Amino acid sequence: FVGCVGAGWASLVMMRKDELQNGVNVVDDEGTVHGKSKTAAREGIAKCAASRVVWNLPATGITPFLCAAYTKSAMNKAMPMMNLPATTAIITCGIIAGVYPGQALFTQQARIDASSLEPEFQDRRTSSGAKVAEFTYNKGL
């Protein structure tokens, strides 16, 4: 479990290194891009990292115990040729049970308070002159 989560985090950081260095677009409610924020990028990647923990939990944290229990069961002893299909079904269910809830943990289009961003985003205004209180950014998966 720890190895899978760690590898997922490492992969996430390596694949999204450009976002960490340059930031992600932050957009107001009118759809106007106000620039790139490294703070929003870090928050988005942190949320993705949390999702990786959730989606690996059933597949690598629970299924080994279920597979071990199946291996010791009377059913496995009666039909040993079903060990591979049963193990495959258990692992597949673990993956399905983890990935979809993990991805649904946070919305892909995330919102962040302007006060949480870099100073250049603090006093941004919409085209109608209203102060932007929250920005939207693409968190990714």
N, C-alpha and C. Protein backbone atom coordinates (compact mmCIF):
# COMPACT_ATOMS: atom_id res chain seq x y z
N PHE A 1 0.82 -1.19 0.00
CA PHE A 1 0.00 0.00 0.00
C PHE A 1 0.87 1.26 0.00
N VAL A 2 1.80 1.33 0.93
CA VAL A 2 2.67 2.51 1.04
C VAL A 2 3.50 2.69 -0.23
N GLY A 3 3.98 1.61 -0.79
CA GLY A 3 4.76 1.69 -2.03
C GLY A 3 3.94 2.21 -3.19
N CYS A 4 2.71 1.74 -3.31
CA CYS A 4 1.83 2.21 -4.40
C CYS A 4 1.49 3.68 -4.23
N VAL A 5 1.16 4.09 -3.01
CA VAL A 5 0.84 5.49 -2.76
C VAL A 5 2.07 6.37 -3.02
N GLY A 6 3.22 5.95 -2.53
CA GLY A 6 4.45 6.71 -2.75
C GLY A 6 4.79 6.84 -4.22
N ALA A 7 4.63 5.75 -4.96
CA ALA A 7 4.89 5.79 -6.40
C ALA A 7 3.88 6.70 -7.10
N GLY A 8 2.63 6.67 -6.66
CA GLY A 8 1.61 7.55 -7.24
C GLY A 8 1.94 9.01 -6.99
N TRP A 9 2.40 9.31 -5.78
CA TRP A 9 2.77 10.70 -5.47
C TRP A 9 3.97 11.13 -6.29
N ALA A 10 4.98 10.27 -6.39
CA ALA A 10 6.18 10.61 -7.16
C ALA A 10 5.81 10.85 -8.63
N SER A 11 4.99 9.97 -9.18
CA SER A 11 4.54 10.12 -10.56
C SER A 11 3.77 11.43 -10.74
N LEU A 12 2.91 11.74 -9.79
CA LEU A 12 2.11 12.96 -9.85
C LEU A 12 3.00 14.20 -9.88
N VAL A 13 3.97 14.24 -9.01
CA VAL A 13 4.87 15.39 -8.95
C VAL A 13 5.72 15.50 -10.22
N MET A 14 6.22 14.36 -10.71
CA MET A 14 7.05 14.40 -11.93
C MET A 14 6.23 14.81 -13.15
N MET A 15 5.02 14.29 -13.27
CA MET A 15 4.20 14.59 -14.44
C MET A 15 3.67 16.03 -14.42
N ARG A 16 3.54 16.59 -13.23
CA ARG A 16 2.97 17.94 -13.13
C ARG A 16 3.98 18.97 -12.63
N LYS A 17 5.26 18.66 -12.87
CA LYS A 17 6.35 19.54 -12.46
C LYS A 17 6.20 20.93 -13.07
N ASP A 18 5.75 20.99 -14.32
CA ASP A 18 5.57 22.27 -15.00
C ASP A 18 4.56 23.15 -14.25
N GLU A 19 3.49 22.54 -13.74
CA GLU A 19 2.49 23.30 -12.99
C GLU A 19 3.09 23.85 -11.71
N LEU A 20 3.92 23.06 -11.03
CA LEU A 20 4.55 23.54 -9.81
C LEU A 20 5.49 24.71 -10.08
N GLN A 21 6.18 24.66 -11.21
CA GLN A 21 7.14 25.71 -11.54
C GLN A 21 6.47 26.96 -12.09
N ASN A 22 5.43 26.79 -12.91
CA ASN A 22 4.83 27.94 -13.60
C ASN A 22 3.43 28.30 -13.12
N GLY A 23 2.77 27.41 -12.40
CA GLY A 23 1.43 27.66 -11.91
C GLY A 23 0.36 27.17 -12.86
N VAL A 24 -0.90 27.29 -12.42
CA VAL A 24 -2.06 26.93 -13.23
C VAL A 24 -2.91 28.18 -13.42
N ASN A 25 -3.66 28.20 -14.51
CA ASN A 25 -4.54 29.34 -14.77
C ASN A 25 -5.61 29.45 -13.70
N VAL A 26 -5.81 30.67 -13.21
CA VAL A 26 -6.91 30.94 -12.29
C VAL A 26 -7.90 31.84 -13.03
N VAL A 27 -9.18 31.50 -12.89
CA VAL A 27 -10.24 32.11 -13.69
C VAL A 27 -11.31 32.65 -12.75
N ASP A 28 -11.88 33.83 -13.09
CA ASP A 28 -12.99 34.34 -12.28
C ASP A 28 -14.31 33.72 -12.75
N ASP A 29 -15.42 34.12 -12.13
CA ASP A 29 -16.72 33.54 -12.46
C ASP A 29 -17.19 33.87 -13.87
N GLU A 30 -16.61 34.90 -14.47
CA GLU A 30 -16.96 35.28 -15.84
C GLU A 30 -16.15 34.51 -16.87
N GLY A 31 -15.17 33.72 -16.40
CA GLY A 31 -14.33 32.95 -17.31
C GLY A 31 -13.06 33.66 -17.74
N THR A 32 -12.79 34.82 -17.16
CA THR A 32 -11.59 35.58 -17.51
C THR A 32 -10.38 35.00 -16.77
N VAL A 33 -9.34 34.68 -17.53
CA VAL A 33 -8.10 34.18 -16.93
C VAL A 33 -7.33 35.36 -16.37
N HIS A 34 -6.95 35.26 -15.10
CA HIS A 34 -6.23 36.35 -14.43
C HIS A 34 -4.75 36.07 -14.27
N GLY A 35 -4.29 34.93 -14.73
CA GLY A 35 -2.87 34.60 -14.64
C GLY A 35 -2.67 33.19 -14.13
N LYS A 36 -1.41 32.88 -13.83
CA LYS A 36 -1.05 31.55 -13.35
C LYS A 36 -0.64 31.64 -11.89
N SER A 37 -1.16 30.71 -11.09
CA SER A 37 -0.88 30.69 -9.65
C SER A 37 -0.17 29.39 -9.27
N LYS A 38 0.99 29.55 -8.63
CA LYS A 38 1.72 28.38 -8.12
C LYS A 38 1.03 27.84 -6.87
N THR A 39 0.39 28.73 -6.10
CA THR A 39 -0.33 28.29 -4.91
C THR A 39 -1.50 27.39 -5.27
N ALA A 40 -2.26 27.76 -6.29
CA ALA A 40 -3.37 26.92 -6.75
C ALA A 40 -2.84 25.59 -7.29
N ALA A 41 -1.70 25.63 -7.96
CA ALA A 41 -1.10 24.39 -8.47
C ALA A 41 -0.74 23.46 -7.32
N ARG A 42 -0.12 24.00 -6.28
CA ARG A 42 0.25 23.18 -5.12
C ARG A 42 -0.99 22.60 -4.44
N GLU A 43 -2.03 23.41 -4.30
CA GLU A 43 -3.26 22.91 -3.68
C GLU A 43 -3.89 21.80 -4.52
N GLY A 44 -3.91 22.00 -5.83
CA GLY A 44 -4.48 20.99 -6.72
C GLY A 44 -3.71 19.69 -6.66
N ILE A 45 -2.40 19.77 -6.65
CA ILE A 45 -1.59 18.56 -6.59
C ILE A 45 -1.73 17.87 -5.23
N ALA A 46 -1.86 18.65 -4.16
CA ALA A 46 -2.08 18.07 -2.83
C ALA A 46 -3.41 17.32 -2.79
N LYS A 47 -4.44 17.88 -3.40
CA LYS A 47 -5.74 17.20 -3.45
C LYS A 47 -5.65 15.92 -4.28
N CYS A 48 -4.92 15.97 -5.36
CA CYS A 48 -4.72 14.76 -6.18
C CYS A 48 -3.96 13.70 -5.39
N ALA A 49 -2.97 14.13 -4.60
CA ALA A 49 -2.20 13.18 -3.78
C ALA A 49 -3.10 12.52 -2.74
N ALA A 50 -4.00 13.29 -2.14
CA ALA A 50 -4.95 12.72 -1.17
C ALA A 50 -5.86 11.71 -1.86
N SER A 51 -6.27 12.02 -3.08
CA SER A 51 -7.11 11.09 -3.84
C SER A 51 -6.38 9.78 -4.10
N ARG A 52 -5.08 9.85 -4.36
CA ARG A 52 -4.30 8.64 -4.63
C ARG A 52 -4.28 7.71 -3.41
N VAL A 53 -4.29 8.29 -2.21
CA VAL A 53 -4.34 7.46 -1.01
C VAL A 53 -5.67 6.69 -0.99
N VAL A 54 -6.77 7.41 -1.22
CA VAL A 54 -8.10 6.80 -1.18
C VAL A 54 -8.23 5.72 -2.25
N TRP A 55 -7.75 6.02 -3.47
CA TRP A 55 -8.01 5.04 -4.52
C TRP A 55 -7.09 3.82 -4.43
N ASN A 56 -6.00 3.91 -3.70
CA ASN A 56 -5.15 2.73 -3.52
C ASN A 56 -5.54 1.89 -2.31
N LEU A 57 -6.31 2.45 -1.40
CA LEU A 57 -6.65 1.73 -0.17
C LEU A 57 -7.37 0.41 -0.43
N PRO A 58 -8.48 0.36 -1.18
CA PRO A 58 -9.12 -0.94 -1.40
C PRO A 58 -8.26 -1.92 -2.20
N ALA A 59 -7.58 -1.41 -3.22
CA ALA A 59 -6.83 -2.29 -4.12
C ALA A 59 -5.59 -2.89 -3.47
N THR A 60 -4.88 -2.12 -2.68
CA THR A 60 -3.62 -2.62 -2.13
C THR A 60 -3.62 -2.74 -0.61
N GLY A 61 -4.62 -2.18 0.05
CA GLY A 61 -4.68 -2.26 1.50
C GLY A 61 -5.63 -3.34 2.01
N ILE A 62 -6.66 -3.63 1.21
CA ILE A 62 -7.68 -4.58 1.66
C ILE A 62 -7.63 -5.90 0.89
N THR A 63 -7.44 -5.82 -0.42
CA THR A 63 -7.50 -7.04 -1.24
C THR A 63 -6.46 -8.10 -0.86
N PRO A 64 -5.27 -7.76 -0.39
CA PRO A 64 -4.36 -8.84 0.02
C PRO A 64 -4.95 -9.72 1.13
N PHE A 65 -5.68 -9.10 2.06
CA PHE A 65 -6.30 -9.87 3.14
C PHE A 65 -7.44 -10.73 2.61
N LEU A 66 -8.22 -10.18 1.66
CA LEU A 66 -9.30 -10.95 1.07
C LEU A 66 -8.76 -12.13 0.26
N CYS A 67 -7.69 -11.88 -0.49
CA CYS A 67 -7.09 -12.97 -1.29
C CYS A 67 -6.51 -14.05 -0.37
N ALA A 68 -5.89 -13.65 0.71
CA ALA A 68 -5.34 -14.62 1.66
C ALA A 68 -6.45 -15.44 2.29
N ALA A 69 -7.55 -14.78 2.62
CA ALA A 69 -8.69 -15.50 3.21
C ALA A 69 -9.28 -16.48 2.20
N TYR A 70 -9.38 -16.06 0.94
CA TYR A 70 -9.90 -16.96 -0.09
C TYR A 70 -8.99 -18.17 -0.26
N THR A 71 -7.69 -17.95 -0.25
CA THR A 71 -6.72 -19.04 -0.43
C THR A 71 -6.88 -20.11 0.65
N LYS A 72 -7.23 -19.69 1.86
CA LYS A 72 -7.40 -20.63 2.98
C LYS A 72 -8.80 -21.23 3.05
N SER A 73 -9.71 -20.75 2.19
CA SER A 73 -11.11 -21.18 2.28
C SER A 73 -11.34 -22.60 1.76
N ALA A 74 -12.47 -23.17 2.20
CA ALA A 74 -12.86 -24.51 1.73
C ALA A 74 -13.16 -24.48 0.24
N MET A 75 -13.68 -23.37 -0.25
CA MET A 75 -13.99 -23.25 -1.68
C MET A 75 -12.73 -23.39 -2.53
N ASN A 76 -11.65 -22.75 -2.10
CA ASN A 76 -10.39 -22.83 -2.83
C ASN A 76 -9.82 -24.25 -2.77
N LYS A 77 -9.97 -24.88 -1.63
CA LYS A 77 -9.46 -26.25 -1.50
C LYS A 77 -10.26 -27.22 -2.37
N ALA A 78 -11.56 -26.95 -2.51
CA ALA A 78 -12.41 -27.82 -3.33
C ALA A 78 -12.18 -27.59 -4.82
N MET A 79 -11.90 -26.36 -5.21
CA MET A 79 -11.68 -26.02 -6.63
C MET A 79 -10.44 -25.15 -6.77
N PRO A 80 -9.24 -25.73 -6.65
CA PRO A 80 -8.02 -24.94 -6.70
C PRO A 80 -7.81 -24.24 -8.05
N MET A 81 -8.42 -24.76 -9.12
CA MET A 81 -8.26 -24.12 -10.42
C MET A 81 -8.97 -22.76 -10.50
N MET A 82 -9.81 -22.45 -9.51
CA MET A 82 -10.52 -21.18 -9.48
C MET A 82 -9.74 -20.10 -8.73
N ASN A 83 -8.55 -20.44 -8.23
CA ASN A 83 -7.77 -19.47 -7.46
C ASN A 83 -7.43 -18.23 -8.28
N LEU A 84 -6.92 -18.41 -9.49
CA LEU A 84 -6.56 -17.27 -10.32
C LEU A 84 -7.77 -16.41 -10.70
N PRO A 85 -8.86 -16.99 -11.20
CA PRO A 85 -10.02 -16.14 -11.51
C PRO A 85 -10.59 -15.44 -10.28
N ALA A 86 -10.62 -16.13 -9.14
CA ALA A 86 -11.17 -15.52 -7.93
C ALA A 86 -10.27 -14.38 -7.45
N THR A 87 -8.98 -14.58 -7.46
CA THR A 87 -8.04 -13.53 -7.06
C THR A 87 -8.14 -12.34 -8.00
N THR A 88 -8.23 -12.62 -9.30
CA THR A 88 -8.37 -11.54 -10.28
C THR A 88 -9.66 -10.75 -10.03
N ALA A 89 -10.75 -11.43 -9.74
CA ALA A 89 -12.03 -10.76 -9.47
C ALA A 89 -11.95 -9.91 -8.20
N ILE A 90 -11.30 -10.42 -7.16
CA ILE A 90 -11.16 -9.66 -5.91
C ILE A 90 -10.35 -8.40 -6.16
N ILE A 91 -9.24 -8.51 -6.87
CA ILE A 91 -8.38 -7.35 -7.13
C ILE A 91 -9.10 -6.34 -8.03
N THR A 92 -9.81 -6.82 -9.04
CA THR A 92 -10.56 -5.93 -9.93
C THR A 92 -11.61 -5.16 -9.14
N CYS A 93 -12.32 -5.83 -8.27
CA CYS A 93 -13.33 -5.15 -7.44
C CYS A 93 -12.66 -4.12 -6.53
N GLY A 94 -11.48 -4.44 -6.00
CA GLY A 94 -10.75 -3.48 -5.16
C GLY A 94 -10.36 -2.24 -5.93
N ILE A 95 -9.92 -2.42 -7.17
CA ILE A 95 -9.55 -1.27 -8.00
C ILE A 95 -10.77 -0.42 -8.30
N ILE A 96 -11.86 -1.05 -8.70
CA ILE A 96 -13.08 -0.30 -9.00
C ILE A 96 -13.61 0.40 -7.76
N ALA A 97 -13.54 -0.28 -6.62
CA ALA A 97 -14.04 0.30 -5.37
C ALA A 97 -13.19 1.47 -4.90
N GLY A 98 -11.96 1.58 -5.38
CA GLY A 98 -11.09 2.67 -4.93
C GLY A 98 -10.94 3.81 -5.89
N VAL A 99 -10.77 3.52 -7.18
CA VAL A 99 -10.45 4.57 -8.14
C VAL A 99 -11.58 5.58 -8.29
N TYR A 100 -12.80 5.11 -8.47
CA TYR A 100 -13.90 6.05 -8.71
C TYR A 100 -14.20 6.93 -7.51
N PRO A 101 -14.30 6.39 -6.30
CA PRO A 101 -14.48 7.28 -5.15
C PRO A 101 -13.28 8.21 -4.94
N GLY A 102 -12.08 7.71 -5.21
CA GLY A 102 -10.89 8.55 -5.06
C GLY A 102 -10.91 9.73 -6.01
N GLN A 103 -11.34 9.50 -7.24
CA GLN A 103 -11.43 10.60 -8.20
C GLN A 103 -12.57 11.56 -7.87
N ALA A 104 -13.62 11.04 -7.24
CA ALA A 104 -14.78 11.87 -6.90
C ALA A 104 -14.58 12.64 -5.60
N LEU A 105 -13.49 12.40 -4.91
CA LEU A 105 -13.25 13.05 -3.63
C LEU A 105 -13.22 14.58 -3.77
N PHE A 106 -12.64 15.06 -4.83
CA PHE A 106 -12.57 16.50 -5.11
C PHE A 106 -13.03 16.74 -6.53
N THR A 107 -13.69 17.86 -6.77
CA THR A 107 -14.11 18.20 -8.13
C THR A 107 -12.88 18.56 -8.96
N GLN A 108 -12.97 18.35 -10.25
CA GLN A 108 -11.83 18.66 -11.11
C GLN A 108 -11.62 20.17 -11.20
N GLN A 109 -12.72 20.91 -11.28
CA GLN A 109 -12.63 22.38 -11.29
C GLN A 109 -12.75 22.85 -9.85
N ALA A 110 -11.64 23.20 -9.23
CA ALA A 110 -11.61 23.57 -7.82
C ALA A 110 -11.71 25.08 -7.66
N ARG A 111 -12.19 25.49 -6.49
CA ARG A 111 -12.29 26.91 -6.18
C ARG A 111 -11.31 27.23 -5.05
N ILE A 112 -10.76 28.44 -5.10
CA ILE A 112 -9.80 28.87 -4.08
C ILE A 112 -10.03 30.35 -3.81
N ASP A 113 -9.98 30.73 -2.54
CA ASP A 113 -10.15 32.13 -2.16
C ASP A 113 -9.00 32.97 -2.71
N ALA A 114 -9.33 34.15 -3.16
CA ALA A 114 -8.31 35.07 -3.67
C ALA A 114 -7.29 35.39 -2.57
N SER A 115 -7.75 35.45 -1.32
CA SER A 115 -6.84 35.76 -0.21
C SER A 115 -5.81 34.66 0.03
N SER A 116 -6.06 33.46 -0.48
CA SER A 116 -5.11 32.35 -0.33
C SER A 116 -4.03 32.34 -1.41
N LEU A 117 -4.23 33.15 -2.44
CA LEU A 117 -3.30 33.15 -3.57
C LEU A 117 -2.19 34.18 -3.39
N GLU A 118 -1.31 34.23 -4.37
CA GLU A 118 -0.20 35.17 -4.36
C GLU A 118 -0.74 36.61 -4.33
N PRO A 119 0.08 37.56 -3.87
CA PRO A 119 -0.37 38.95 -3.74
C PRO A 119 -0.95 39.56 -5.02
N GLU A 120 -0.45 39.17 -6.18
CA GLU A 120 -0.94 39.77 -7.42
C GLU A 120 -2.40 39.43 -7.72
N PHE A 121 -2.97 38.45 -7.00
CA PHE A 121 -4.38 38.07 -7.21
C PHE A 121 -5.31 38.66 -6.16
N GLN A 122 -4.78 39.38 -5.19
CA GLN A 122 -5.58 39.87 -4.07
C GLN A 122 -6.64 40.90 -4.48
N ASP A 123 -6.32 41.81 -5.35
CA ASP A 123 -7.25 42.90 -5.70
C ASP A 123 -7.71 42.86 -7.14
N ARG A 124 -7.85 41.67 -7.68
CA ARG A 124 -8.32 41.55 -9.06
C ARG A 124 -9.81 41.87 -9.13
N ARG A 125 -10.21 42.40 -10.28
CA ARG A 125 -11.61 42.80 -10.50
C ARG A 125 -12.15 42.11 -11.75
N THR A 126 -13.45 41.87 -11.74
CA THR A 126 -14.11 41.33 -12.92
C THR A 126 -14.29 42.45 -13.94
N SER A 127 -14.78 42.12 -15.12
CA SER A 127 -15.00 43.15 -16.15
C SER A 127 -16.06 44.16 -15.72
N SER A 128 -16.93 43.77 -14.78
CA SER A 128 -17.96 44.70 -14.29
C SER A 128 -17.46 45.52 -13.11
N GLY A 129 -16.23 45.28 -12.67
CA GLY A 129 -15.63 46.06 -11.59
C GLY A 129 -15.74 45.44 -10.21
N ALA A 130 -16.43 44.33 -10.09
CA ALA A 130 -16.56 43.66 -8.79
C ALA A 130 -15.25 42.98 -8.41
N LYS A 131 -14.93 43.03 -7.11
CA LYS A 131 -13.71 42.38 -6.64
C LYS A 131 -13.88 40.86 -6.71
N VAL A 132 -12.87 40.18 -7.20
CA VAL A 132 -12.90 38.72 -7.30
C VAL A 132 -12.55 38.15 -5.92
N ALA A 133 -13.51 37.42 -5.32
CA ALA A 133 -13.30 36.82 -4.01
C ALA A 133 -12.76 35.39 -4.15
N GLU A 134 -13.19 34.70 -5.21
CA GLU A 134 -12.78 33.32 -5.44
C GLU A 134 -12.40 33.12 -6.89
N PHE A 135 -11.41 32.27 -7.07
CA PHE A 135 -11.00 31.89 -8.42
C PHE A 135 -11.28 30.40 -8.60
N THR A 136 -11.39 29.99 -9.86
CA THR A 136 -11.53 28.58 -10.21
C THR A 136 -10.27 28.17 -10.96
N TYR A 137 -9.83 26.95 -10.73
CA TYR A 137 -8.68 26.41 -11.45
C TYR A 137 -8.92 24.93 -11.72
N ASN A 138 -8.22 24.40 -12.70
CA ASN A 138 -8.34 22.99 -13.04
C ASN A 138 -7.40 22.20 -12.15
N LYS A 139 -7.97 21.46 -11.18
CA LYS A 139 -7.19 20.67 -10.26
C LYS A 139 -6.54 19.48 -10.95
N GLY A 140 -7.21 18.97 -11.96
CA GLY A 140 -6.72 17.78 -12.64
C GLY A 140 -7.17 16.53 -11.92
N LEU A 141 -6.65 15.40 -12.36
CA LEU A 141 -7.01 14.12 -11.75
C LEU A 141 -5.79 13.52 -11.12
